[in-house]
């Protein structure tokens, strides 16, 4: 049977608590505010970004439909809006992939 060293156990606990506090400060969950003076949680920032991308996609779809119906003849603005929507989607996809990769890395860390 192995003897548990209480001092080592307390040191490990304090290191984990310190890391947890550092992560909370980094994500803004400890009640601190951002540089604008308003606390903005990561989930809210991410939701706003996804909402913005969705609005851009909707706008591009509406312009494409208007062009197909013959309501507008400005193909350049239609294509520019479609490219903006495409780039926004690709950027969102890359952010999602990076977040998943970071999550997997954190979950595979030894404790």
PDB file of N, CA and C in Angstrom:
ATOM      1  N   UNK A   1       0.826  -1.166   0.000  1.00  0.00           N
ATOM      2  CA  UNK A   1       0.000   0.000   0.000  1.00  0.00           C
ATOM      3  C   UNK A   1       0.884   1.248   0.000  1.00  0.00           C
ATOM      4  N   UNK A   2       0.503   2.243  -0.780  1.00  0.00           N
ATOM      5  CA  UNK A   2       1.289   3.454  -0.926  1.00  0.00           C
ATOM      6  C   UNK A   2       0.871   4.501   0.101  1.00  0.00           C
ATOM      7  N   UNK A   3       1.855   5.157   0.676  1.00  0.00           N
ATOM      8  CA  UNK A   3       1.596   6.217   1.651  1.00  0.00           C
ATOM      9  C   UNK A   3       1.429   7.535   0.893  1.00  0.00           C
ATOM     10  N   UNK A   4       0.395   8.272   1.247  1.00  0.00           N
ATOM     11  CA  UNK A   4       0.118   9.552   0.590  1.00  0.00           C
ATOM     12  C   UNK A   4       0.787  10.660   1.380  1.00  0.00           C
ATOM     13  N   UNK A   5       1.635  11.411   0.696  1.00  0.00           N
ATOM     14  CA  UNK A   5       2.317  12.541   1.325  1.00  0.00           C
ATOM     15  C   UNK A   5       1.370  13.738   1.320  1.00  0.00           C
ATOM     16  N   UNK A   6       0.965  14.186   2.492  1.00  0.00           N
ATOM     17  CA  UNK A   6      -0.013  15.267   2.594  1.00  0.00           C
ATOM     18  C   UNK A   6       0.542  16.588   2.071  1.00  0.00           C
ATOM     19  N   UNK A   7       1.810  16.854   2.289  1.00  0.00           N
ATOM     20  CA  UNK A   7       2.402  18.102   1.803  1.00  0.00           C
ATOM     21  C   UNK A   7       2.382  18.163   0.272  1.00  0.00           C
ATOM     22  N   UNK A   8       2.731  17.055  -0.349  1.00  0.00           N
ATOM     23  CA  UNK A   8       2.720  17.003  -1.819  1.00  0.00           C
ATOM     24  C   UNK A   8       1.301  17.160  -2.339  1.00  0.00           C
ATOM     25  N   UNK A   9       0.349  16.545  -1.680  1.00  0.00           N
ATOM     26  CA  UNK A   9      -1.043  16.646  -2.070  1.00  0.00           C
ATOM     27  C   UNK A   9      -1.540  18.084  -1.963  1.00  0.00           C
ATOM     28  N   UNK A  10      -1.186  18.782  -0.907  1.00  0.00           N
ATOM     29  CA  UNK A  10      -1.578  20.184  -0.728  1.00  0.00           C
ATOM     30  C   UNK A  10      -0.909  21.086  -1.768  1.00  0.00           C
ATOM     31  N   UNK A  11       0.345  20.777  -2.116  1.00  0.00           N
ATOM     32  CA  UNK A  11       1.032  21.546  -3.153  1.00  0.00           C
ATOM     33  C   UNK A  11       0.348  21.373  -4.506  1.00  0.00           C
ATOM     34  N   UNK A  12      -0.039  20.141  -4.826  1.00  0.00           N
ATOM     35  CA  UNK A  12      -0.738  19.880  -6.082  1.00  0.00           C
ATOM     36  C   UNK A  12      -2.082  20.607  -6.106  1.00  0.00           C
ATOM     37  N   UNK A  13      -2.785  20.595  -4.983  1.00  0.00           N
ATOM     38  CA  UNK A  13      -4.073  21.274  -4.899  1.00  0.00           C
ATOM     39  C   UNK A  13      -3.914  22.775  -5.109  1.00  0.00           C
ATOM     40  N   UNK A  14      -2.914  23.375  -4.456  1.00  0.00           N
ATOM     41  CA  UNK A  14      -2.716  24.819  -4.602  1.00  0.00           C
ATOM     42  C   UNK A  14      -2.303  25.169  -6.039  1.00  0.00           C
ATOM     43  N   UNK A  15      -1.538  24.296  -6.696  1.00  0.00           N
ATOM     44  CA  UNK A  15      -1.167  24.540  -8.096  1.00  0.00           C
ATOM     45  C   UNK A  15      -2.395  24.483  -8.993  1.00  0.00           C
ATOM     46  N   UNK A  16      -3.280  23.540  -8.747  1.00  0.00           N
ATOM     47  CA  UNK A  16      -4.505  23.423  -9.541  1.00  0.00           C
ATOM     48  C   UNK A  16      -5.404  24.629  -9.319  1.00  0.00           C
ATOM     49  N   UNK A  17      -5.532  25.067  -8.079  1.00  0.00           N
ATOM     50  CA  UNK A  17      -6.350  26.241  -7.776  1.00  0.00           C
ATOM     51  C   UNK A  17      -5.771  27.476  -8.453  1.00  0.00           C
ATOM     52  N   UNK A  18      -4.455  27.622  -8.436  1.00  0.00           N
ATOM     53  CA  UNK A  18      -3.810  28.772  -9.079  1.00  0.00           C
ATOM     54  C   UNK A  18      -4.047  28.752 -10.584  1.00  0.00           C
ATOM     55  N   UNK A  19      -3.945  27.585 -11.204  1.00  0.00           N
ATOM     56  CA  UNK A  19      -4.206  27.476 -12.639  1.00  0.00           C
ATOM     57  C   UNK A  19      -5.656  27.788 -12.959  1.00  0.00           C
ATOM     58  N   UNK A  20      -6.563  27.325 -12.116  1.00  0.00           N
ATOM     59  CA  UNK A  20      -7.981  27.595 -12.320  1.00  0.00           C
ATOM     60  C   UNK A  20      -8.259  29.095 -12.242  1.00  0.00           C
ATOM     61  N   UNK A  21      -7.661  29.775 -11.263  1.00  0.00           N
ATOM     62  CA  UNK A  21      -7.840  31.208 -11.136  1.00  0.00           C
ATOM     63  C   UNK A  21      -7.262  31.949 -12.333  1.00  0.00           C
ATOM     64  N   UNK A  22      -6.123  31.491 -12.835  1.00  0.00           N
ATOM     65  CA  UNK A  22      -5.525  32.123 -14.020  1.00  0.00           C
ATOM     66  C   UNK A  22      -6.423  31.949 -15.239  1.00  0.00           C
ATOM     67  N   UNK A  23      -7.009  30.763 -15.386  1.00  0.00           N
ATOM     68  CA  UNK A  23      -7.928  30.536 -16.508  1.00  0.00           C
ATOM     69  C   UNK A  23      -9.176  31.390 -16.375  1.00  0.00           C
ATOM     70  N   UNK A  24      -9.690  31.543 -15.171  1.00  0.00           N
ATOM     71  CA  UNK A  24     -10.866  32.386 -14.974  1.00  0.00           C
ATOM     72  C   UNK A  24     -10.554  33.839 -15.278  1.00  0.00           C
ATOM     73  N   UNK A  25      -9.372  34.312 -14.886  1.00  0.00           N
ATOM     74  CA  UNK A  25      -8.989  35.689 -15.223  1.00  0.00           C
ATOM     75  C   UNK A  25      -8.861  35.848 -16.730  1.00  0.00           C
ATOM     76  N   UNK A  26      -8.309  34.841 -17.407  1.00  0.00           N
ATOM     77  CA  UNK A  26      -8.115  34.920 -18.853  1.00  0.00           C
ATOM     78  C   UNK A  26      -9.440  34.941 -19.596  1.00  0.00           C
ATOM     79  N   UNK A  27     -10.437  34.227 -19.105  1.00  0.00           N
ATOM     80  CA  UNK A  27     -11.729  34.186 -19.783  1.00  0.00           C
ATOM     81  C   UNK A  27     -12.684  35.260 -19.304  1.00  0.00           C
ATOM     82  N   UNK A  28     -12.315  35.990 -18.259  1.00  0.00           N
ATOM     83  CA  UNK A  28     -13.170  37.057 -17.763  1.00  0.00           C
ATOM     84  C   UNK A  28     -14.273  36.580 -16.847  1.00  0.00           C
ATOM     85  N   UNK A  29     -14.184  35.370 -16.336  1.00  0.00           N
ATOM     86  CA  UNK A  29     -15.227  34.824 -15.472  1.00  0.00           C
ATOM     87  C   UNK A  29     -15.040  35.180 -14.007  1.00  0.00           C
ATOM     88  N   UNK A  30     -13.973  35.880 -13.690  1.00  0.00           N
ATOM     89  CA  UNK A  30     -13.739  36.214 -12.293  1.00  0.00           C
ATOM     90  C   UNK A  30     -14.356  37.539 -11.884  1.00  0.00           C
ATOM     91  N   UNK A  31     -15.154  38.140 -12.763  1.00  0.00           N
ATOM     92  CA  UNK A  31     -15.828  39.386 -12.428  1.00  0.00           C
ATOM     93  C   UNK A  31     -15.064  40.621 -12.859  1.00  0.00           C
ATOM     94  N   UNK A  32     -13.863  40.451 -13.424  1.00  0.00           N
ATOM     95  CA  UNK A  32     -13.136  41.615 -13.902  1.00  0.00           C
ATOM     96  C   UNK A  32     -13.759  42.102 -15.191  1.00  0.00           C
ATOM     97  N   UNK A  33     -13.451  43.322 -15.548  1.00  0.00           N
ATOM     98  CA  UNK A  33     -14.048  43.906 -16.739  1.00  0.00           C
ATOM     99  C   UNK A  33     -13.017  44.021 -17.837  1.00  0.00           C
ATOM    100  N   UNK A  34     -13.494  44.188 -19.056  1.00  0.00           N
ATOM    101  CA  UNK A  34     -12.609  44.369 -20.193  1.00  0.00           C
ATOM    102  C   UNK A  34     -12.161  45.818 -20.262  1.00  0.00           C
ATOM    103  N   UNK A  35     -11.411  46.172 -21.293  1.00  0.00           N
ATOM    104  CA  UNK A  35     -10.890  47.525 -21.402  1.00  0.00           C
ATOM    105  C   UNK A  35     -11.990  48.558 -21.606  1.00  0.00           C
ATOM    106  N   UNK A  36     -13.145  48.168 -22.118  1.00  0.00           N
ATOM    107  CA  UNK A  36     -14.249  49.099 -22.298  1.00  0.00           C
ATOM    108  C   UNK A  36     -15.024  49.304 -21.013  1.00  0.00           C
ATOM    109  N   UNK A  37     -14.711  48.538 -19.967  1.00  0.00           N
ATOM    110  CA  UNK A  37     -15.418  48.679 -18.710  1.00  0.00           C
ATOM    111  C   UNK A  37     -16.647  47.794 -18.612  1.00  0.00           C
ATOM    112  N   UNK A  38     -16.885  46.968 -19.624  1.00  0.00           N
ATOM    113  CA  UNK A  38     -18.049  46.091 -19.625  1.00  0.00           C
ATOM    114  C   UNK A  38     -17.547  44.653 -19.723  1.00  0.00           C
ATOM    115  N   UNK A  39     -18.049  43.807 -18.854  1.00  0.00           N
ATOM    116  CA  UNK A  39     -17.660  42.405 -18.885  1.00  0.00           C
ATOM    117  C   UNK A  39     -18.337  41.720 -20.056  1.00  0.00           C
ATOM    118  N   UNK A  40     -17.555  41.077 -20.918  1.00  0.00           N
ATOM    119  CA  UNK A  40     -18.096  40.394 -22.081  1.00  0.00           C
ATOM    120  C   UNK A  40     -17.635  38.939 -22.052  1.00  0.00           C
ATOM    121  N   UNK A  41     -18.518  38.025 -21.666  1.00  0.00           N
ATOM    122  CA  UNK A  41     -18.122  36.620 -21.632  1.00  0.00           C
ATOM    123  C   UNK A  41     -17.823  36.083 -23.035  1.00  0.00           C
ATOM    124  N   UNK A  42     -16.979  35.093 -23.071  1.00  0.00           N
ATOM    125  CA  UNK A  42     -16.571  34.509 -24.354  1.00  0.00           C
ATOM    126  C   UNK A  42     -17.765  33.968 -25.116  1.00  0.00           C
ATOM    127  N   UNK A  43     -18.692  33.330 -24.409  1.00  0.00           N
ATOM    128  CA  UNK A  43     -19.854  32.748 -25.089  1.00  0.00           C
ATOM    129  C   UNK A  43     -20.695  33.827 -25.764  1.00  0.00           C
ATOM    130  N   UNK A  44     -20.828  34.991 -25.133  1.00  0.00           N
ATOM    131  CA  UNK A  44     -21.595  36.085 -25.732  1.00  0.00           C
ATOM    132  C   UNK A  44     -20.882  36.629 -26.968  1.00  0.00           C
ATOM    133  N   UNK A  45     -19.575  36.770 -26.887  1.00  0.00           N
ATOM    134  CA  UNK A  45     -18.792  37.239 -28.029  1.00  0.00           C
ATOM    135  C   UNK A  45     -18.920  36.268 -29.193  1.00  0.00           C
ATOM    136  N   UNK A  46     -18.844  34.983 -28.893  1.00  0.00           N
ATOM    137  CA  UNK A  46     -18.973  33.971 -29.934  1.00  0.00           C
ATOM    138  C   UNK A  46     -20.374  33.982 -30.538  1.00  0.00           C
ATOM    139  N   UNK A  47     -21.400  34.123 -29.710  1.00  0.00           N
ATOM    140  CA  UNK A  47     -22.780  34.184 -30.205  1.00  0.00           C
ATOM    141  C   UNK A  47     -22.986  35.393 -31.112  1.00  0.00           C
ATOM    142  N   UNK A  48     -22.420  36.535 -30.723  1.00  0.00           N
ATOM    143  CA  UNK A  48     -22.537  37.734 -31.548  1.00  0.00           C
ATOM    144  C   UNK A  48     -21.859  37.542 -32.900  1.00  0.00           C
ATOM    145  N   UNK A  49     -20.702  36.891 -32.892  1.00  0.00           N
ATOM    146  CA  UNK A  49     -19.990  36.654 -34.146  1.00  0.00           C
ATOM    147  C   UNK A  49     -20.780  35.727 -35.061  1.00  0.00           C
ATOM    148  N   UNK A  50     -21.349  34.669 -34.500  1.00  0.00           N
ATOM    149  CA  UNK A  50     -22.138  33.734 -35.312  1.00  0.00           C
ATOM    150  C   UNK A  50     -23.394  34.419 -35.846  1.00  0.00           C
ATOM    151  N   UNK A  51     -24.014  35.250 -35.022  1.00  0.00           N
ATOM    152  CA  UNK A  51     -25.199  35.996 -35.449  1.00  0.00           C
ATOM    153  C   UNK A  51     -24.847  36.939 -36.615  1.00  0.00           C
ATOM    154  N   UNK A  52     -23.698  37.584 -36.527  1.00  0.00           N
ATOM    155  CA  UNK A  52     -23.246  38.489 -37.588  1.00  0.00           C
ATOM    156  C   UNK A  52     -23.013  37.726 -38.896  1.00  0.00           C
ATOM    157  N   UNK A  53     -22.395  36.565 -38.783  1.00  0.00           N
ATOM    158  CA  UNK A  53     -22.162  35.735 -39.981  1.00  0.00           C
ATOM    159  C   UNK A  53     -23.493  35.285 -40.569  1.00  0.00           C
ATOM    160  N   UNK A  54     -24.442  34.928 -39.729  1.00  0.00           N
ATOM    161  CA  UNK A  54     -25.759  34.516 -40.206  1.00  0.00           C
ATOM    162  C   UNK A  54     -26.455  35.661 -40.949  1.00  0.00           C
ATOM    163  N   UNK A  55     -26.362  36.874 -40.396  1.00  0.00           N
ATOM    164  CA  UNK A  55     -26.966  38.034 -41.061  1.00  0.00           C
ATOM    165  C   UNK A  55     -26.318  38.281 -42.419  1.00  0.00           C
ATOM    166  N   UNK A  56     -24.991  38.121 -42.487  1.00  0.00           N
ATOM    167  CA  UNK A  56     -24.285  38.301 -43.766  1.00  0.00           C
ATOM    168  C   UNK A  56     -24.741  37.259 -44.775  1.00  0.00           C
ATOM    169  N   UNK A  57     -24.924  36.014 -44.342  1.00  0.00           N
ATOM    170  CA  UNK A  57     -25.391  34.961 -45.249  1.00  0.00           C
ATOM    171  C   UNK A  57     -26.803  35.251 -45.727  1.00  0.00           C
ATOM    172  N   UNK A  58     -27.660  35.733 -44.828  1.00  0.00           N
ATOM    173  CA  UNK A  58     -29.034  36.063 -45.192  1.00  0.00           C
ATOM    174  C   UNK A  58     -29.061  37.183 -46.213  1.00  0.00           C
ATOM    175  N   UNK A  59     -28.239  38.201 -46.001  1.00  0.00           N
ATOM    176  CA  UNK A  59     -28.167  39.327 -46.936  1.00  0.00           C
ATOM    177  C   UNK A  59     -27.706  38.863 -48.313  1.00  0.00           C
ATOM    178  N   UNK A  60     -26.695  37.986 -48.337  1.00  0.00           N
ATOM    179  CA  UNK A  60     -26.194  37.470 -49.612  1.00  0.00           C
ATOM    180  C   UNK A  60     -27.267  36.644 -50.319  1.00  0.00           C
ATOM    181  N   UNK A  61     -28.007  35.853 -49.558  1.00  0.00           N
ATOM    182  CA  UNK A  61     -29.082  35.046 -50.155  1.00  0.00           C
ATOM    183  C   UNK A  61     -30.193  35.925 -50.724  1.00  0.00           C
ATOM    184  N   UNK A  62     -30.543  36.981 -49.988  1.00  0.00           N
ATOM    185  CA  UNK A  62     -31.585  37.888 -50.465  1.00  0.00           C
ATOM    186  C   UNK A  62     -31.152  38.604 -51.741  1.00  0.00           C
ATOM    187  N   UNK A  63     -29.899  39.049 -51.789  1.00  0.00           N
ATOM    188  CA  UNK A  63     -29.412  39.713 -53.004  1.00  0.00           C
ATOM    189  C   UNK A  63     -29.368  38.747 -54.182  1.00  0.00           C
ATOM    190  N   UNK A  64     -28.973  37.506 -53.939  1.00  0.00           N
ATOM    191  CA  UNK A  64     -28.942  36.502 -55.008  1.00  0.00           C
ATOM    192  C   UNK A  64     -30.350  36.234 -55.535  1.00  0.00           C
ATOM    193  N   UNK A  65     -31.296  36.109 -54.612  1.00  0.00           N
ATOM    194  CA  UNK A  65     -32.683  35.878 -55.022  1.00  0.00           C
ATOM    195  C   UNK A  65     -33.237  37.069 -55.793  1.00  0.00           C
ATOM    196  N   UNK A  66     -32.908  38.294 -55.360  1.00  0.00           N
ATOM    197  CA  UNK A  66     -33.368  39.484 -56.069  1.00  0.00           C
ATOM    198  C   UNK A  66     -32.766  39.534 -57.473  1.00  0.00           C
ATOM    199  N   UNK A  67     -31.518  39.147 -57.624  1.00  0.00           N
ATOM    200  CA  UNK A  67     -30.895  39.112 -58.954  1.00  0.00           C
ATOM    201  C   UNK A  67     -31.561  38.068 -59.846  1.00  0.00           C
ATOM    202  N   UNK A  68     -31.859  36.910 -59.273  1.00  0.00           N
ATOM    203  CA  UNK A  68     -32.508  35.849 -60.042  1.00  0.00           C
ATOM    204  C   UNK A  68     -33.910  36.244 -60.481  1.00  0.00           C
ATOM    205  N   UNK A  69     -34.603  37.041 -59.659  1.00  0.00           N
ATOM    206  CA  UNK A  69     -35.945  37.506 -60.025  1.00  0.00           C
ATOM    207  C   UNK A  69     -35.900  38.670 -61.002  1.00  0.00           C
ATOM    208  N   UNK A  70     -34.729  39.231 -61.228  1.00  0.00           N
ATOM    209  CA  UNK A  70     -34.598  40.352 -62.146  1.00  0.00           C
ATOM    210  C   UNK A  70     -34.844  41.697 -61.486  1.00  0.00           C
ATOM    211  N   UNK A  71     -34.878  41.746 -60.178  1.00  0.00           N
ATOM    212  CA  UNK A  71     -35.131  43.004 -59.477  1.00  0.00           C
ATOM    213  C   UNK A  71     -33.889  43.902 -59.453  1.00  0.00           C
ATOM    214  N   UNK A  72     -32.723  43.320 -59.622  1.00  0.00           N
ATOM    215  CA  UNK A  72     -31.483  44.104 -59.671  1.00  0.00           C
ATOM    216  C   UNK A  72     -30.618  43.557 -60.793  1.00  0.00           C
ATOM    217  N   UNK A  73     -29.794  44.441 -61.345  1.00  0.00           N
ATOM    218  CA  UNK A  73     -28.891  44.026 -62.430  1.00  0.00           C
ATOM    219  C   UNK A  73     -27.436  44.204 -62.028  1.00  0.00           C
ATOM    220  N   UNK A  74     -27.212  44.485 -60.751  1.00  0.00           N
ATOM    221  CA  UNK A  74     -25.860  44.723 -60.248  1.00  0.00           C
ATOM    222  C   UNK A  74     -25.239  43.408 -59.771  1.00  0.00           C
ATOM    223  N   UNK A  75     -24.671  42.666 -60.719  1.00  0.00           N
ATOM    224  CA  UNK A  75     -24.082  41.368 -60.402  1.00  0.00           C
ATOM    225  C   UNK A  75     -22.841  41.516 -59.522  1.00  0.00           C
ATOM    226  N   UNK A  76     -22.157  42.657 -59.637  1.00  0.00           N
ATOM    227  CA  UNK A  76     -20.940  42.869 -58.847  1.00  0.00           C
ATOM    228  C   UNK A  76     -21.273  42.894 -57.348  1.00  0.00           C
ATOM    229  N   UNK A  77     -22.303  43.653 -56.960  1.00  0.00           N
ATOM    230  CA  UNK A  77     -22.646  43.711 -55.534  1.00  0.00           C
ATOM    231  C   UNK A  77     -23.134  42.353 -55.031  1.00  0.00           C
ATOM    232  N   UNK A  78     -23.832  41.607 -55.870  1.00  0.00           N
ATOM    233  CA  UNK A  78     -24.290  40.273 -55.487  1.00  0.00           C
ATOM    234  C   UNK A  78     -23.090  39.369 -55.223  1.00  0.00           C
ATOM    235  N   UNK A  79     -22.125  39.387 -56.128  1.00  0.00           N
ATOM    236  CA  UNK A  79     -20.959  38.526 -55.976  1.00  0.00           C
ATOM    237  C   UNK A  79     -20.088  38.955 -54.792  1.00  0.00           C
ATOM    238  N   UNK A  80     -19.982  40.264 -54.554  1.00  0.00           N
ATOM    239  CA  UNK A  80     -19.201  40.745 -53.416  1.00  0.00           C
ATOM    240  C   UNK A  80     -19.840  40.281 -52.107  1.00  0.00           C
ATOM    241  N   UNK A  81     -21.149  40.397 -52.006  1.00  0.00           N
ATOM    242  CA  UNK A  81     -21.839  39.961 -50.782  1.00  0.00           C
ATOM    243  C   UNK A  81     -21.724  38.452 -50.590  1.00  0.00           C
ATOM    244  N   UNK A  82     -21.786  37.705 -51.682  1.00  0.00           N
ATOM    245  CA  UNK A  82     -21.632  36.245 -51.573  1.00  0.00           C
ATOM    246  C   UNK A  82     -20.222  35.877 -51.128  1.00  0.00           C
ATOM    247  N   UNK A  83     -19.230  36.613 -51.616  1.00  0.00           N
ATOM    248  CA  UNK A  83     -17.852  36.349 -51.194  1.00  0.00           C
ATOM    249  C   UNK A  83     -17.642  36.712 -49.730  1.00  0.00           C
ATOM    250  N   UNK A  84     -18.251  37.829 -49.292  1.00  0.00           N
ATOM    251  CA  UNK A  84     -18.166  38.200 -47.876  1.00  0.00           C
ATOM    252  C   UNK A  84     -18.774  37.108 -47.000  1.00  0.00           C
ATOM    253  N   UNK A  85     -19.920  36.597 -47.414  1.00  0.00           N
ATOM    254  CA  UNK A  85     -20.578  35.536 -46.651  1.00  0.00           C
ATOM    255  C   UNK A  85     -19.722  34.272 -46.643  1.00  0.00           C
ATOM    256  N   UNK A  86     -19.127  33.961 -47.772  1.00  0.00           N
ATOM    257  CA  UNK A  86     -18.281  32.772 -47.861  1.00  0.00           C
ATOM    258  C   UNK A  86     -17.044  32.901 -46.967  1.00  0.00           C
ATOM    259  N   UNK A  87     -16.407  34.057 -47.001  1.00  0.00           N
ATOM    260  CA  UNK A  87     -15.228  34.271 -46.162  1.00  0.00           C
ATOM    261  C   UNK A  87     -15.590  34.225 -44.681  1.00  0.00           C
ATOM    262  N   UNK A  88     -16.721  34.811 -44.327  1.00  0.00           N
ATOM    263  CA  UNK A  88     -17.169  34.770 -42.938  1.00  0.00           C
ATOM    264  C   UNK A  88     -17.424  33.350 -42.467  1.00  0.00           C
ATOM    265  N   UNK A  89     -18.053  32.566 -43.338  1.00  0.00           N
ATOM    266  CA  UNK A  89     -18.322  31.171 -42.990  1.00  0.00           C
ATOM    267  C   UNK A  89     -17.026  30.387 -42.826  1.00  0.00           C
ATOM    268  N   UNK A  90     -16.094  30.592 -43.740  1.00  0.00           N
ATOM    269  CA  UNK A  90     -14.812  29.884 -43.654  1.00  0.00           C
ATOM    270  C   UNK A  90     -14.052  30.267 -42.385  1.00  0.00           C
ATOM    271  N   UNK A  91     -14.084  31.559 -42.034  1.00  0.00           N
ATOM    272  CA  UNK A  91     -13.409  32.000 -40.815  1.00  0.00           C
ATOM    273  C   UNK A  91     -14.066  31.372 -39.593  1.00  0.00           C
ATOM    274  N   UNK A  92     -15.393  31.325 -39.581  1.00  0.00           N
ATOM    275  CA  UNK A  92     -16.113  30.709 -38.464  1.00  0.00           C
ATOM    276  C   UNK A  92     -15.761  29.231 -38.357  1.00  0.00           C
ATOM    277  N   UNK A  93     -15.671  28.577 -39.478  1.00  0.00           N
ATOM    278  CA  UNK A  93     -15.316  27.160 -39.495  1.00  0.00           C
ATOM    279  C   UNK A  93     -13.908  26.941 -38.937  1.00  0.00           C
ATOM    280  N   UNK A  94     -12.974  27.811 -39.297  1.00  0.00           N
ATOM    281  CA  UNK A  94     -11.611  27.683 -38.787  1.00  0.00           C
ATOM    282  C   UNK A  94     -11.546  27.938 -37.280  1.00  0.00           C
ATOM    283  N   UNK A  95     -12.311  28.914 -36.798  1.00  0.00           N
ATOM    284  CA  UNK A  95     -12.352  29.176 -35.360  1.00  0.00           C
ATOM    285  C   UNK A  95     -12.917  27.964 -34.631  1.00  0.00           C
ATOM    286  N   UNK A  96     -13.985  27.394 -35.183  1.00  0.00           N
ATOM    287  CA  UNK A  96     -14.577  26.192 -34.571  1.00  0.00           C
ATOM    288  C   UNK A  96     -13.553  25.066 -34.506  1.00  0.00           C
ATOM    289  N   UNK A  97     -12.825  24.864 -35.593  1.00  0.00           N
ATOM    290  CA  UNK A  97     -11.819  23.799 -35.611  1.00  0.00           C
ATOM    291  C   UNK A  97     -10.726  24.037 -34.580  1.00  0.00           C
ATOM    292  N   UNK A  98     -10.301  25.285 -34.428  1.00  0.00           N
ATOM    293  CA  UNK A  98      -9.269  25.604 -33.438  1.00  0.00           C
ATOM    294  C   UNK A  98      -9.798  25.400 -32.013  1.00  0.00           C
ATOM    295  N   UNK A  99     -11.047  25.784 -31.772  1.00  0.00           N
ATOM    296  CA  UNK A  99     -11.635  25.582 -30.448  1.00  0.00           C
ATOM    297  C   UNK A  99     -11.751  24.100 -30.112  1.00  0.00           C
ATOM    298  N   UNK A 100     -12.174  23.300 -31.074  1.00  0.00           N
ATOM    299  CA  UNK A 100     -12.265  21.858 -30.840  1.00  0.00           C
ATOM    300  C   UNK A 100     -10.895  21.249 -30.582  1.00  0.00           C
ATOM    301  N   UNK A 101      -9.911  21.710 -31.322  1.00  0.00           N
ATOM    302  CA  UNK A 101      -8.556  21.211 -31.130  1.00  0.00           C
ATOM    303  C   UNK A 101      -8.038  21.582 -29.739  1.00  0.00           C
ATOM    304  N   UNK A 102      -8.286  22.813 -29.315  1.00  0.00           N
ATOM    305  CA  UNK A 102      -7.859  23.239 -27.983  1.00  0.00           C
ATOM    306  C   UNK A 102      -8.588  22.447 -26.905  1.00  0.00           C
ATOM    307  N   UNK A 103      -9.876  22.196 -27.096  1.00  0.00           N
ATOM    308  CA  UNK A 103     -10.648  21.415 -26.132  1.00  0.00           C
ATOM    309  C   UNK A 103     -10.078  20.004 -26.013  1.00  0.00           C
ATOM    310  N   UNK A 104      -9.784  19.394 -27.148  1.00  0.00           N
ATOM    311  CA  UNK A 104      -9.209  18.038 -27.120  1.00  0.00           C
ATOM    312  C   UNK A 104      -7.855  18.033 -26.413  1.00  0.00           C
ATOM    313  N   UNK A 105      -7.037  19.060 -26.692  1.00  0.00           N
ATOM    314  CA  UNK A 105      -5.730  19.138 -26.039  1.00  0.00           C
ATOM    315  C   UNK A 105      -5.883  19.263 -24.529  1.00  0.00           C
ATOM    316  N   UNK A 106      -6.816  20.092 -24.099  1.00  0.00           N
ATOM    317  CA  UNK A 106      -7.031  20.272 -22.657  1.00  0.00           C
ATOM    318  C   UNK A 106      -7.539  18.995 -22.027  1.00  0.00           C
ATOM    319  N   UNK A 107      -8.455  18.306 -22.697  1.00  0.00           N
ATOM    320  CA  UNK A 107      -9.024  17.074 -22.146  1.00  0.00           C
ATOM    321  C   UNK A 107      -7.980  15.959 -22.076  1.00  0.00           C
ATOM    322  N   UNK A 108      -6.971  16.003 -22.945  1.00  0.00           N
ATOM    323  CA  UNK A 108      -5.953  14.960 -22.946  1.00  0.00           C
ATOM    324  C   UNK A 108      -4.766  15.293 -22.052  1.00  0.00           C
ATOM    325  N   UNK A 109      -4.810  16.438 -21.369  1.00  0.00           N
ATOM    326  CA  UNK A 109      -3.710  16.807 -20.480  1.00  0.00           C
ATOM    327  C   UNK A 109      -3.710  15.909 -19.247  1.00  0.00           C
ATOM    328  N   UNK A 110      -2.521  15.501 -18.827  1.00  0.00           N
ATOM    329  CA  UNK A 110      -2.484  14.732 -17.582  1.00  0.00           C
ATOM    330  C   UNK A 110      -2.729  15.642 -16.393  1.00  0.00           C
ATOM    331  N   UNK A 111      -3.397  15.103 -15.398  1.00  0.00           N
ATOM    332  CA  UNK A 111      -3.731  15.905 -14.214  1.00  0.00           C
ATOM    333  C   UNK A 111      -2.694  15.780 -13.157  1.00  0.00           C
TER     334      UNK A 111
END
